[in-house]
Amino acid sequence: MNVRKTCISITIIQKNNQTICHPELVSRYHQSNKTKPQPSLRGTKQSHKKNKKPKPMKTTLLTLALTITACTTNTKNTTTIAQPYLGQQPPGNTPIPFAPGMVSTEHYEYSGVFTPNMQEFYYIKQGGTHKDAKMLRYIYKNNQWKQEVVSNYIGQPVISPNGKTMHLGNKYRERTPNGWSQVKQLKAPFRNQRIMRLSSAANGNYYFDTYHKDQPKFPIRYAEQVDGKHQTPKALSAAINTGIKNFNHPFIAPNESYILWDAVREEGNGSSDIYISFKQPDGTWGNAINLGDKINTKAWEASASVTPDGKYLFFCRNMDSDNYENVDIFWVDAKVIEELRPEF
């Protein structure tokens, strides 16, 4: 096999000349109609609020100091990086795009998550060579991070704390000795729920959003697991399900000490912001806390999660694109959570 190694500096210029649909709406359409998602669907004002602000040129420059040695062939996309987090320099207190040029580009990248062993990274991409939304992954093999297409878009991937389940809204896959199983459907009462994101705690409890086009204040719910069976879902308290609309994309800490989600609230920064609530000593949820203006801007921010090692907070941000055709995955030091955690 002929392998070409190239060490270069790369500049990527933003080009907003392609309109794509938002995978969340594809999921809603797919779940409600049980047909193949159509690429003509687009975001609506209900699911996203259009934001206008001075539009900077999006430039990603890999300088000589951060030169990446890329090994490519005609049939495989392989990046030789014997480092964690796809070989990226970890962020500090200011969020930065994750893996510019590899993951975050001028297209749509969304909902990035690692497996507990930190050797697989899954995310949703649409644009460029992927006209329809796909689930991609980087997998670490033979001291290399290799990019692969996993499947067409099914739902937002969330990996369970034990790494045995990939949640995909009201669907899921199970880890097997040969990889992931075929897609399976959750049983009632989740089967008929329009779930955009479902997150599970270490004890198996489910936390998920629900959607109804005529109910913009659809709540975030949870379902306890008792003796291996999930109980009837209940809405979380008003501390979480309060605001203008769109209480979305919950992420529960493995020990259930906090929950992250996004919503449009009166005290927000303009569009969807990311919030956190900490569980109180009496088991109730504390008041919603905005993650602050370093994370929440006038743009749409959503779908936050924390890496399995607890070190970094990941989230998504619309890069001022009119139809959400340019959404990037950002990361920041997770100590922002500890700085907000109350002392009991």
Foldseek 3Di string as FASTA:
>chain_A
DDKDKDWDKDKAWADQPDFWADLLVQLLCCLVVVDHRDGVHFDDCLAWNADDDDADIDIDIQDPVNIFIFIDDPPWGWGQALDFQQNDDAAAAFKDFRPEPPQAHSFFKFQWAAALVRFKIWIWTDDDVHPAIFIKMFGQDPNITTIDTDGGQNARWDAALVRQWTDGQQWIWGQDPVGTDPIGGHDPPRRNFSWRAWEAALQGKIWTFGDDPVAQLGAIWIWDADPNRTDDIDGADCLQSDADGDFHQWYAYNVRQKIKWWDHHPPAQAIIFIWMWGQDPVRHTHHTDTLDPSQGHNWHKTNWDAYSVRFKIKIKTQSSRRRSRRIGIIIYGNCSVVVPDDDD
